């Protein structure tokens, strides 16, 4: 049994953003195959790992009410049990999940929390877990968990098992907006009409400026948007609201929704846009943030 640390360990579950999302086909087992450029914002859920006499999950934060700590299918608990099973020990740890991001919102949610659990427990118990092993465990838990475990700009393909680093992106000043309507991923995919022709995005320029990257990204799309609009028409209103702001370079839905992002020319313009939307739409969740471009 690995020795737990004397002090709690904290791991962040950053918001995952699908900057675009293409549906490229369907497997024989019924899963949709995707192609998506994914980045991670600097707003996050926060997980704290503390030694305990049994595995427990405590919930806190503004969106804790949307979860249940004792559910057997809770992804944080499933991730903890799966990692402990693979490593051959009892997960004697209390996990406090501070839920700061909306639930069922297309920005990682449970997948990001499960990935943070895998990373955090590997650190907590001093496990020599190779990154590839954590990614493999993550895929058992859900299609988005591997990319959330990776946690850096990536191109996601297949059902989530194929990850390639995306380097040279500029830092992205963003505004995230959610109208407060949860949208189930499975429901969106059930409502999806598969594209009749495969769409191919243009080749990404090397080390693009923010303006050039926005133009490149604008030539792509999120092919889940029509299905999500049918289930939650408020999403279309969010996009209209973002696109009406003069400084918004691009607005798009992330993942299966309902969260949308606006890309802005600089952090000050993003902050001003977030303040404006919050003032005019107080019932919406709205945050200015940034995604690091990993511009190597």
C-alpha atoms as a PDB file:
ATOM      1  CA  UNK A   1       0.000   0.000   0.000  1.00  0.00           C
ATOM      2  CA  UNK A   2       1.567   3.333  -1.016  1.00  0.00           C
ATOM      3  CA  UNK A   3       2.035   5.870   1.765  1.00  0.00           C
ATOM      4  CA  UNK A   4      -0.257   8.895   1.373  1.00  0.00           C
ATOM      5  CA  UNK A   5       1.235  12.362   1.812  1.00  0.00           C
ATOM      6  CA  UNK A   6       1.035  14.233   5.120  1.00  0.00           C
ATOM      7  CA  UNK A   7      -0.568  17.256   3.458  1.00  0.00           C
ATOM      8  CA  UNK A   8      -3.574  17.403   1.105  1.00  0.00           C
ATOM      9  CA  UNK A   9      -2.896  17.504  -2.628  1.00  0.00           C
ATOM     10  CA  UNK A  10      -4.842  19.786  -4.959  1.00  0.00           C
ATOM     11  CA  UNK A  11      -5.513  19.117  -8.641  1.00  0.00           C
ATOM     12  CA  UNK A  12      -7.383  21.374 -11.066  1.00  0.00           C
ATOM     13  CA  UNK A  13      -9.948  20.144 -13.582  1.00  0.00           C
ATOM     14  CA  UNK A  14      -9.725  22.870 -16.216  1.00  0.00           C
ATOM     15  CA  UNK A  15     -12.590  23.671 -18.541  1.00  0.00           C
ATOM     16  CA  UNK A  16     -12.201  21.775 -21.829  1.00  0.00           C
ATOM     17  CA  UNK A  17     -13.130  23.661 -24.973  1.00  0.00           C
ATOM     18  CA  UNK A  18     -13.804  22.057 -28.328  1.00  0.00           C
ATOM     19  CA  UNK A  19     -12.808  24.881 -30.657  1.00  0.00           C
ATOM     20  CA  UNK A  20     -14.404  22.900 -33.454  1.00  0.00           C
ATOM     21  CA  UNK A  21     -15.999  19.464 -33.634  1.00  0.00           C
ATOM     22  CA  UNK A  22     -16.367  17.381 -36.780  1.00  0.00           C
ATOM     23  CA  UNK A  23     -18.281  14.093 -36.902  1.00  0.00           C
ATOM     24  CA  UNK A  24     -16.325  11.804 -39.223  1.00  0.00           C
ATOM     25  CA  UNK A  25     -18.260   8.554 -38.974  1.00  0.00           C
ATOM     26  CA  UNK A  26     -19.640   5.886 -36.722  1.00  0.00           C
ATOM     27  CA  UNK A  27     -18.078   2.697 -35.397  1.00  0.00           C
ATOM     28  CA  UNK A  28     -19.633  -0.763 -35.667  1.00  0.00           C
ATOM     29  CA  UNK A  29     -20.445  -0.497 -31.954  1.00  0.00           C
ATOM     30  CA  UNK A  30     -22.428   2.702 -32.469  1.00  0.00           C
ATOM     31  CA  UNK A  31     -19.969   5.286 -31.166  1.00  0.00           C
ATOM     32  CA  UNK A  32     -19.491   8.462 -33.172  1.00  0.00           C
ATOM     33  CA  UNK A  33     -16.009   9.178 -34.464  1.00  0.00           C
ATOM     34  CA  UNK A  34     -14.870  12.769 -34.052  1.00  0.00           C
ATOM     35  CA  UNK A  35     -12.155  15.174 -35.082  1.00  0.00           C
ATOM     36  CA  UNK A  36     -11.750  18.158 -32.749  1.00  0.00           C
ATOM     37  CA  UNK A  37      -9.205  20.783 -31.738  1.00  0.00           C
ATOM     38  CA  UNK A  38      -9.274  20.970 -27.933  1.00  0.00           C
ATOM     39  CA  UNK A  39      -7.783  23.554 -25.565  1.00  0.00           C
ATOM     40  CA  UNK A  40      -8.076  24.120 -21.812  1.00  0.00           C
ATOM     41  CA  UNK A  41      -9.106  27.339 -20.101  1.00  0.00           C
ATOM     42  CA  UNK A  42      -7.728  28.788 -16.874  1.00  0.00           C
ATOM     43  CA  UNK A  43     -11.005  28.362 -14.980  1.00  0.00           C
ATOM     44  CA  UNK A  44     -11.529  25.023 -13.310  1.00  0.00           C
ATOM     45  CA  UNK A  45     -13.113  22.732 -10.778  1.00  0.00           C
ATOM     46  CA  UNK A  46     -10.796  22.112  -7.834  1.00  0.00           C
ATOM     47  CA  UNK A  47     -10.188  18.657  -6.323  1.00  0.00           C
ATOM     48  CA  UNK A  48      -8.497  18.198  -2.929  1.00  0.00           C
ATOM     49  CA  UNK A  49      -7.209  14.781  -1.842  1.00  0.00           C
ATOM     50  CA  UNK A  50      -6.850  14.102   1.912  1.00  0.00           C
ATOM     51  CA  UNK A  51      -5.892  10.863   3.742  1.00  0.00           C
ATOM     52  CA  UNK A  52      -8.946   9.025   5.114  1.00  0.00           C
ATOM     53  CA  UNK A  53     -10.040   5.622   6.405  1.00  0.00           C
ATOM     54  CA  UNK A  54     -12.190   4.968   3.309  1.00  0.00           C
ATOM     55  CA  UNK A  55     -12.947   6.426  -0.092  1.00  0.00           C
ATOM     56  CA  UNK A  56     -15.302   9.388   0.294  1.00  0.00           C
ATOM     57  CA  UNK A  57     -16.436  12.228  -1.934  1.00  0.00           C
ATOM     58  CA  UNK A  58     -17.464  15.635  -0.587  1.00  0.00           C
ATOM     59  CA  UNK A  59     -19.075  18.256  -2.794  1.00  0.00           C
ATOM     60  CA  UNK A  60     -18.698  22.016  -2.565  1.00  0.00           C
ATOM     61  CA  UNK A  61     -18.830  25.033  -4.855  1.00  0.00           C
ATOM     62  CA  UNK A  62     -21.580  26.888  -6.726  1.00  0.00           C
ATOM     63  CA  UNK A  63     -22.619  23.901  -8.878  1.00  0.00           C
ATOM     64  CA  UNK A  64     -22.400  21.176  -6.218  1.00  0.00           C
ATOM     65  CA  UNK A  65     -26.184  20.896  -6.079  1.00  0.00           C
ATOM     66  CA  UNK A  66     -26.183  19.448  -9.592  1.00  0.00           C
ATOM     67  CA  UNK A  67     -24.262  16.362  -8.434  1.00  0.00           C
ATOM     68  CA  UNK A  68     -24.736  13.533  -5.938  1.00  0.00           C
ATOM     69  CA  UNK A  69     -21.736  12.367  -3.907  1.00  0.00           C
ATOM     70  CA  UNK A  70     -23.145   8.911  -3.222  1.00  0.00           C
ATOM     71  CA  UNK A  71     -24.031   7.926  -6.776  1.00  0.00           C
ATOM     72  CA  UNK A  72     -22.340   4.721  -7.822  1.00  0.00           C
ATOM     73  CA  UNK A  73     -21.792   6.080 -11.324  1.00  0.00           C
ATOM     74  CA  UNK A  74     -20.137   9.319 -10.160  1.00  0.00           C
ATOM     75  CA  UNK A  75     -17.101   9.640 -12.442  1.00  0.00           C
ATOM     76  CA  UNK A  76     -14.783  10.873  -9.682  1.00  0.00           C
ATOM     77  CA  UNK A  77     -15.502   7.805  -7.552  1.00  0.00           C
ATOM     78  CA  UNK A  78     -15.281   5.513 -10.570  1.00  0.00           C
ATOM     79  CA  UNK A  79     -11.906   6.990 -11.534  1.00  0.00           C
ATOM     80  CA  UNK A  80     -10.571   6.589  -7.990  1.00  0.00           C
ATOM     81  CA  UNK A  81     -11.700   2.972  -7.773  1.00  0.00           C
ATOM     82  CA  UNK A  82     -10.364   2.122 -11.226  1.00  0.00           C
ATOM     83  CA  UNK A  83      -6.906   3.584 -10.557  1.00  0.00           C
ATOM     84  CA  UNK A  84      -6.697   1.861  -7.176  1.00  0.00           C
ATOM     85  CA  UNK A  85      -7.771  -1.436  -8.762  1.00  0.00           C
ATOM     86  CA  UNK A  86      -5.115  -1.109 -11.472  1.00  0.00           C
ATOM     87  CA  UNK A  87      -2.442  -0.287  -8.882  1.00  0.00           C
ATOM     88  CA  UNK A  88      -3.606  -2.971  -6.426  1.00  0.00           C
ATOM     89  CA  UNK A  89      -4.484  -1.022  -3.276  1.00  0.00           C
ATOM     90  CA  UNK A  90      -7.421   0.438  -1.355  1.00  0.00           C
ATOM     91  CA  UNK A  91      -8.154   4.104  -2.176  1.00  0.00           C
ATOM     92  CA  UNK A  92      -8.136   5.442   1.394  1.00  0.00           C
ATOM     93  CA  UNK A  93      -8.729   9.056   0.514  1.00  0.00           C
ATOM     94  CA  UNK A  94     -11.341  11.745   0.905  1.00  0.00           C
ATOM     95  CA  UNK A  95     -11.859  13.751  -2.284  1.00  0.00           C
ATOM     96  CA  UNK A  96     -13.407  17.196  -2.050  1.00  0.00           C
ATOM     97  CA  UNK A  97     -14.747  18.370  -5.391  1.00  0.00           C
ATOM     98  CA  UNK A  98     -15.269  22.124  -5.570  1.00  0.00           C
ATOM     99  CA  UNK A  99     -17.645  22.349  -8.517  1.00  0.00           C
ATOM    100  CA  UNK A 100     -17.088  25.757 -10.104  1.00  0.00           C
ATOM    101  CA  UNK A 101     -18.106  24.869 -13.676  1.00  0.00           C
ATOM    102  CA  UNK A 102     -21.684  24.244 -14.857  1.00  0.00           C
ATOM    103  CA  UNK A 103     -22.836  20.621 -15.024  1.00  0.00           C
ATOM    104  CA  UNK A 104     -23.676  18.992 -18.384  1.00  0.00           C
ATOM    105  CA  UNK A 105     -22.351  22.032 -20.213  1.00  0.00           C
ATOM    106  CA  UNK A 106     -19.962  20.842 -22.944  1.00  0.00           C
ATOM    107  CA  UNK A 107     -16.757  21.978 -21.226  1.00  0.00           C
ATOM    108  CA  UNK A 108     -15.509  18.740 -19.727  1.00  0.00           C
ATOM    109  CA  UNK A 109     -17.629  18.445 -16.608  1.00  0.00           C
ATOM    110  CA  UNK A 110     -17.391  14.942 -15.191  1.00  0.00           C
ATOM    111  CA  UNK A 111     -14.689  13.969 -17.686  1.00  0.00           C
ATOM    112  CA  UNK A 112     -12.382  16.760 -16.510  1.00  0.00           C
ATOM    113  CA  UNK A 113     -13.078  15.841 -12.884  1.00  0.00           C
ATOM    114  CA  UNK A 114     -12.352  12.161 -13.555  1.00  0.00           C
ATOM    115  CA  UNK A 115      -9.104  13.064 -15.330  1.00  0.00           C
ATOM    116  CA  UNK A 116      -8.061  15.288 -12.426  1.00  0.00           C
ATOM    117  CA  UNK A 117      -8.816  12.371 -10.091  1.00  0.00           C
ATOM    118  CA  UNK A 118      -6.489  10.081 -12.047  1.00  0.00           C
ATOM    119  CA  UNK A 119      -3.696  12.683 -12.044  1.00  0.00           C
ATOM    120  CA  UNK A 120      -4.253  13.689  -8.437  1.00  0.00           C
ATOM    121  CA  UNK A 121      -4.361  10.171  -7.018  1.00  0.00           C
ATOM    122  CA  UNK A 122      -1.254   9.200  -8.983  1.00  0.00           C
ATOM    123  CA  UNK A 123       0.526  12.090  -7.241  1.00  0.00           C
ATOM    124  CA  UNK A 124      -1.203  11.456  -3.911  1.00  0.00           C
ATOM    125  CA  UNK A 125      -0.010   7.860  -3.643  1.00  0.00           C
ATOM    126  CA  UNK A 126       3.326   8.453  -5.391  1.00  0.00           C
ATOM    127  CA  UNK A 127       2.482   6.044  -8.179  1.00  0.00           C
ATOM    128  CA  UNK A 128       4.893   5.752 -11.058  1.00  0.00           C
ATOM    129  CA  UNK A 129       2.109   5.962 -13.586  1.00  0.00           C
ATOM    130  CA  UNK A 130       3.185   6.633 -17.130  1.00  0.00           C
ATOM    131  CA  UNK A 131       1.061   9.183 -18.973  1.00  0.00           C
ATOM    132  CA  UNK A 132       0.004   6.579 -21.531  1.00  0.00           C
ATOM    133  CA  UNK A 133      -1.271   4.292 -18.773  1.00  0.00           C
ATOM    134  CA  UNK A 134      -3.420   7.074 -17.338  1.00  0.00           C
ATOM    135  CA  UNK A 135      -4.801   7.822 -20.802  1.00  0.00           C
ATOM    136  CA  UNK A 136      -5.744   4.153 -21.224  1.00  0.00           C
ATOM    137  CA  UNK A 137      -7.525   4.127 -17.863  1.00  0.00           C
ATOM    138  CA  UNK A 138      -9.257   7.347 -18.838  1.00  0.00           C
ATOM    139  CA  UNK A 139     -10.716   5.862 -22.022  1.00  0.00           C
ATOM    140  CA  UNK A 140     -12.406   3.179 -19.908  1.00  0.00           C
ATOM    141  CA  UNK A 141     -14.248   5.961 -18.074  1.00  0.00           C
ATOM    142  CA  UNK A 142     -15.378   8.056 -21.049  1.00  0.00           C
ATOM    143  CA  UNK A 143     -14.405   9.370 -24.472  1.00  0.00           C
ATOM    144  CA  UNK A 144     -13.393  12.825 -23.188  1.00  0.00           C
ATOM    145  CA  UNK A 145     -11.361  11.615 -20.197  1.00  0.00           C
ATOM    146  CA  UNK A 146      -8.090  10.911 -22.098  1.00  0.00           C
ATOM    147  CA  UNK A 147      -7.855  14.411 -23.584  1.00  0.00           C
ATOM    148  CA  UNK A 148      -8.733  15.922 -20.194  1.00  0.00           C
ATOM    149  CA  UNK A 149      -6.004  13.779 -18.612  1.00  0.00           C
ATOM    150  CA  UNK A 150      -3.563  15.051 -21.245  1.00  0.00           C
ATOM    151  CA  UNK A 151      -4.627  18.599 -20.421  1.00  0.00           C
ATOM    152  CA  UNK A 152      -2.857  20.481 -23.216  1.00  0.00           C
ATOM    153  CA  UNK A 153      -3.878  21.660 -26.715  1.00  0.00           C
ATOM    154  CA  UNK A 154      -4.580  18.559 -28.777  1.00  0.00           C
ATOM    155  CA  UNK A 155      -6.298  17.187 -31.815  1.00  0.00           C
ATOM    156  CA  UNK A 156      -8.752  14.497 -30.703  1.00  0.00           C
ATOM    157  CA  UNK A 157      -9.844  11.815 -33.155  1.00  0.00           C
ATOM    158  CA  UNK A 158     -11.654   8.504 -33.224  1.00  0.00           C
ATOM    159  CA  UNK A 159     -13.821   8.027 -30.140  1.00  0.00           C
ATOM    160  CA  UNK A 160     -11.291   9.944 -28.043  1.00  0.00           C
ATOM    161  CA  UNK A 161      -8.404   7.485 -28.118  1.00  0.00           C
ATOM    162  CA  UNK A 162      -6.285   9.276 -30.738  1.00  0.00           C
ATOM    163  CA  UNK A 163      -4.554  12.366 -29.396  1.00  0.00           C
ATOM    164  CA  UNK A 164      -1.949  14.478 -31.157  1.00  0.00           C
ATOM    165  CA  UNK A 165      -0.363  17.590 -29.614  1.00  0.00           C
ATOM    166  CA  UNK A 166      -1.214  20.898 -31.262  1.00  0.00           C
ATOM    167  CA  UNK A 167       1.700  23.275 -30.859  1.00  0.00           C
ATOM    168  CA  UNK A 168       2.250  26.863 -31.860  1.00  0.00           C
ATOM    169  CA  UNK A 169      -1.216  28.207 -31.019  1.00  0.00           C
ATOM    170  CA  UNK A 170      -1.489  31.768 -29.692  1.00  0.00           C
ATOM    171  CA  UNK A 171      -2.932  32.384 -26.238  1.00  0.00           C
ATOM    172  CA  UNK A 172      -6.701  32.720 -26.593  1.00  0.00           C
ATOM    173  CA  UNK A 173      -8.653  35.433 -24.713  1.00  0.00           C
ATOM    174  CA  UNK A 174     -12.137  33.976 -24.247  1.00  0.00           C
ATOM    175  CA  UNK A 175     -15.577  34.576 -22.845  1.00  0.00           C
ATOM    176  CA  UNK A 176     -17.576  31.486 -21.838  1.00  0.00           C
ATOM    177  CA  UNK A 177     -21.358  31.761 -21.629  1.00  0.00           C
ATOM    178  CA  UNK A 178     -23.868  29.166 -20.484  1.00  0.00           C
ATOM    179  CA  UNK A 179     -27.610  29.975 -20.461  1.00  0.00           C
ATOM    180  CA  UNK A 180     -28.261  27.707 -17.489  1.00  0.00           C
ATOM    181  CA  UNK A 181     -29.783  24.886 -19.513  1.00  0.00           C
ATOM    182  CA  UNK A 182     -28.155  21.449 -19.054  1.00  0.00           C
ATOM    183  CA  UNK A 183     -27.766  19.503 -22.291  1.00  0.00           C
ATOM    184  CA  UNK A 184     -27.092  15.770 -22.220  1.00  0.00           C
ATOM    185  CA  UNK A 185     -24.359  14.603 -24.591  1.00  0.00           C
ATOM    186  CA  UNK A 186     -26.193  11.378 -25.421  1.00  0.00           C
ATOM    187  CA  UNK A 187     -29.363  13.277 -26.294  1.00  0.00           C
ATOM    188  CA  UNK A 188     -27.468  15.564 -28.684  1.00  0.00           C
ATOM    189  CA  UNK A 189     -25.867  12.627 -30.475  1.00  0.00           C
ATOM    190  CA  UNK A 190     -29.243  10.878 -30.738  1.00  0.00           C
ATOM    191  CA  UNK A 191     -30.647  14.000 -32.405  1.00  0.00           C
ATOM    192  CA  UNK A 192     -27.689  14.345 -34.767  1.00  0.00           C
ATOM    193  CA  UNK A 193     -28.121  13.952 -38.496  1.00  0.00           C
ATOM    194  CA  UNK A 194     -24.779  12.599 -39.694  1.00  0.00           C
ATOM    195  CA  UNK A 195     -23.181  14.823 -42.337  1.00  0.00           C
ATOM    196  CA  UNK A 196     -23.653  13.430 -45.839  1.00  0.00           C
ATOM    197  CA  UNK A 197     -20.156  14.510 -46.831  1.00  0.00           C
ATOM    198  CA  UNK A 198     -17.026  14.554 -44.696  1.00  0.00           C
ATOM    199  CA  UNK A 199     -15.818  18.078 -43.969  1.00  0.00           C
ATOM    200  CA  UNK A 200     -12.075  18.689 -43.867  1.00  0.00           C
ATOM    201  CA  UNK A 201     -10.708  21.715 -42.074  1.00  0.00           C
ATOM    202  CA  UNK A 202      -7.870  23.670 -43.728  1.00  0.00           C
ATOM    203  CA  UNK A 203      -4.287  22.959 -42.711  1.00  0.00           C
ATOM    204  CA  UNK A 204      -3.362  24.894 -39.564  1.00  0.00           C
ATOM    205  CA  UNK A 205      -0.754  27.581 -40.300  1.00  0.00           C
ATOM    206  CA  UNK A 206       2.489  27.322 -38.334  1.00  0.00           C
ATOM    207  CA  UNK A 207       2.549  29.642 -35.305  1.00  0.00           C
ATOM    208  CA  UNK A 208      -0.409  31.774 -36.438  1.00  0.00           C
ATOM    209  CA  UNK A 209      -1.182  35.174 -34.951  1.00  0.00           C
ATOM    210  CA  UNK A 210      -4.436  35.405 -33.006  1.00  0.00           C
ATOM    211  CA  UNK A 211      -6.157  37.106 -35.941  1.00  0.00           C
ATOM    212  CA  UNK A 212      -4.970  34.531 -38.444  1.00  0.00           C
ATOM    213  CA  UNK A 213      -5.934  31.697 -36.100  1.00  0.00           C
ATOM    214  CA  UNK A 214      -9.448  33.143 -35.746  1.00  0.00           C
ATOM    215  CA  UNK A 215      -9.807  33.204 -39.547  1.00  0.00           C
ATOM    216  CA  UNK A 216      -8.562  29.607 -39.787  1.00  0.00           C
ATOM    217  CA  UNK A 217     -10.888  28.433 -37.033  1.00  0.00           C
ATOM    218  CA  UNK A 218     -13.797  30.277 -38.622  1.00  0.00           C
ATOM    219  CA  UNK A 219     -13.466  28.038 -41.677  1.00  0.00           C
ATOM    220  CA  UNK A 220     -14.297  25.033 -39.487  1.00  0.00           C
ATOM    221  CA  UNK A 221     -17.444  24.342 -37.434  1.00  0.00           C
ATOM    222  CA  UNK A 222     -19.112  22.386 -34.644  1.00  0.00           C
ATOM    223  CA  UNK A 223     -21.345  19.860 -36.366  1.00  0.00           C
ATOM    224  CA  UNK A 224     -23.329  19.205 -33.171  1.00  0.00           C
ATOM    225  CA  UNK A 225     -24.758  22.719 -33.114  1.00  0.00           C
ATOM    226  CA  UNK A 226     -27.966  22.040 -35.132  1.00  0.00           C
ATOM    227  CA  UNK A 227     -28.894  19.071 -32.930  1.00  0.00           C
ATOM    228  CA  UNK A 228     -28.151  21.031 -29.750  1.00  0.00           C
ATOM    229  CA  UNK A 229     -30.176  24.028 -30.970  1.00  0.00           C
ATOM    230  CA  UNK A 230     -33.184  21.763 -31.394  1.00  0.00           C
ATOM    231  CA  UNK A 231     -32.926  20.575 -27.795  1.00  0.00           C
ATOM    232  CA  UNK A 232     -32.000  23.940 -26.271  1.00  0.00           C
ATOM    233  CA  UNK A 233     -32.874  26.968 -28.463  1.00  0.00           C
ATOM    234  CA  UNK A 234     -31.251  29.231 -25.851  1.00  0.00           C
ATOM    235  CA  UNK A 235     -27.853  28.187 -27.231  1.00  0.00           C
ATOM    236  CA  UNK A 236     -28.551  29.984 -30.507  1.00  0.00           C
ATOM    237  CA  UNK A 237     -29.454  33.113 -28.556  1.00  0.00           C
ATOM    238  CA  UNK A 238     -26.145  32.950 -26.672  1.00  0.00           C
ATOM    239  CA  UNK A 239     -24.247  32.784 -29.958  1.00  0.00           C
ATOM    240  CA  UNK A 240     -26.227  35.678 -31.380  1.00  0.00           C
ATOM    241  CA  UNK A 241     -25.438  37.689 -28.256  1.00  0.00           C
ATOM    242  CA  UNK A 242     -21.688  36.989 -28.526  1.00  0.00           C
ATOM    243  CA  UNK A 243     -21.559  37.691 -32.263  1.00  0.00           C
ATOM    244  CA  UNK A 244     -23.277  41.035 -31.753  1.00  0.00           C
ATOM    245  CA  UNK A 245     -20.295  42.289 -29.748  1.00  0.00           C
ATOM    246  CA  UNK A 246     -18.005  44.195 -32.084  1.00  0.00           C
ATOM    247  CA  UNK A 247     -14.768  42.866 -30.559  1.00  0.00           C
ATOM    248  CA  UNK A 248     -15.754  39.183 -30.865  1.00  0.00           C
ATOM    249  CA  UNK A 249     -13.577  37.488 -33.487  1.00  0.00           C
ATOM    250  CA  UNK A 250     -15.500  34.192 -33.431  1.00  0.00           C
ATOM    251  CA  UNK A 251     -18.319  32.588 -31.446  1.00  0.00           C
ATOM    252  CA  UNK A 252     -19.123  28.882 -31.352  1.00  0.00           C
ATOM    253  CA  UNK A 253     -20.663  26.207 -29.154  1.00  0.00           C
ATOM    254  CA  UNK A 254     -18.234  23.978 -27.252  1.00  0.00           C
ATOM    255  CA  UNK A 255     -18.710  20.226 -27.350  1.00  0.00           C
ATOM    256  CA  UNK A 256     -22.353  19.192 -27.129  1.00  0.00           C
ATOM    257  CA  UNK A 257     -23.347  22.455 -25.391  1.00  0.00           C
ATOM    258  CA  UNK A 258     -24.833  24.415 -23.858  1.00  0.00           C
ATOM    259  CA  UNK A 259     -21.687  26.464 -23.136  1.00  0.00           C
ATOM    260  CA  UNK A 260     -20.525  28.729 -25.964  1.00  0.00           C
ATOM    261  CA  UNK A 261     -17.263  30.623 -26.287  1.00  0.00           C
ATOM    262  CA  UNK A 262     -16.372  33.942 -27.813  1.00  0.00           C
ATOM    263  CA  UNK A 263     -12.811  34.564 -28.980  1.00  0.00           C
ATOM    264  CA  UNK A 264     -11.597  38.118 -28.440  1.00  0.00           C
ATOM    265  CA  UNK A 265      -8.612  40.166 -29.571  1.00  0.00           C
ATOM    266  CA  UNK A 266      -7.196  40.703 -26.073  1.00  0.00           C
ATOM    267  CA  UNK A 267      -8.020  39.992 -22.403  1.00  0.00           C
ATOM    268  CA  UNK A 268      -9.338  43.519 -21.757  1.00  0.00           C
ATOM    269  CA  UNK A 269     -11.903  43.190 -24.551  1.00  0.00           C
ATOM    270  CA  UNK A 270     -12.911  39.756 -23.242  1.00  0.00           C
ATOM    271  CA  UNK A 271     -13.359  41.120 -19.716  1.00  0.00           C
ATOM    272  CA  UNK A 272     -15.450  44.032 -21.000  1.00  0.00           C
ATOM    273  CA  UNK A 273     -17.642  41.677 -23.032  1.00  0.00           C
ATOM    274  CA  UNK A 274     -18.174  39.360 -20.039  1.00  0.00           C
ATOM    275  CA  UNK A 275     -19.155  42.316 -17.842  1.00  0.00           C
ATOM    276  CA  UNK A 276     -21.607  43.524 -20.483  1.00  0.00           C
ATOM    277  CA  UNK A 277     -23.267  40.139 -20.946  1.00  0.00           C
ATOM    278  CA  UNK A 278     -23.464  39.556 -17.184  1.00  0.00           C
ATOM    279  CA  UNK A 279     -25.172  42.924 -16.762  1.00  0.00           C
ATOM    280  CA  UNK A 280     -27.668  42.330 -19.563  1.00  0.00           C
ATOM    281  CA  UNK A 281     -28.273  38.600 -18.917  1.00  0.00           C
ATOM    282  CA  UNK A 282     -27.945  38.088 -15.145  1.00  0.00           C
ATOM    283  CA  UNK A 283     -29.414  34.588 -15.358  1.00  0.00           C
ATOM    284  CA  UNK A 284     -26.572  33.339 -17.535  1.00  0.00           C
ATOM    285  CA  UNK A 285     -23.235  31.999 -16.297  1.00  0.00           C
ATOM    286  CA  UNK A 286     -20.555  34.113 -17.965  1.00  0.00           C
ATOM    287  CA  UNK A 287     -16.796  34.233 -17.378  1.00  0.00           C
ATOM    288  CA  UNK A 288     -13.828  35.850 -19.075  1.00  0.00           C
ATOM    289  CA  UNK A 289     -10.836  33.512 -19.164  1.00  0.00           C
ATOM    290  CA  UNK A 290      -7.925  32.443 -21.345  1.00  0.00           C
ATOM    291  CA  UNK A 291      -6.582  29.258 -22.877  1.00  0.00           C
ATOM    292  CA  UNK A 292      -2.828  28.904 -23.090  1.00  0.00           C
ATOM    293  CA  UNK A 293      -1.729  28.119 -26.615  1.00  0.00           C
ATOM    294  CA  UNK A 294       1.321  26.035 -25.713  1.00  0.00           C
ATOM    295  CA  UNK A 295       3.085  28.079 -28.378  1.00  0.00           C
ATOM    296  CA  UNK A 296       6.238  26.031 -28.770  1.00  0.00           C
END
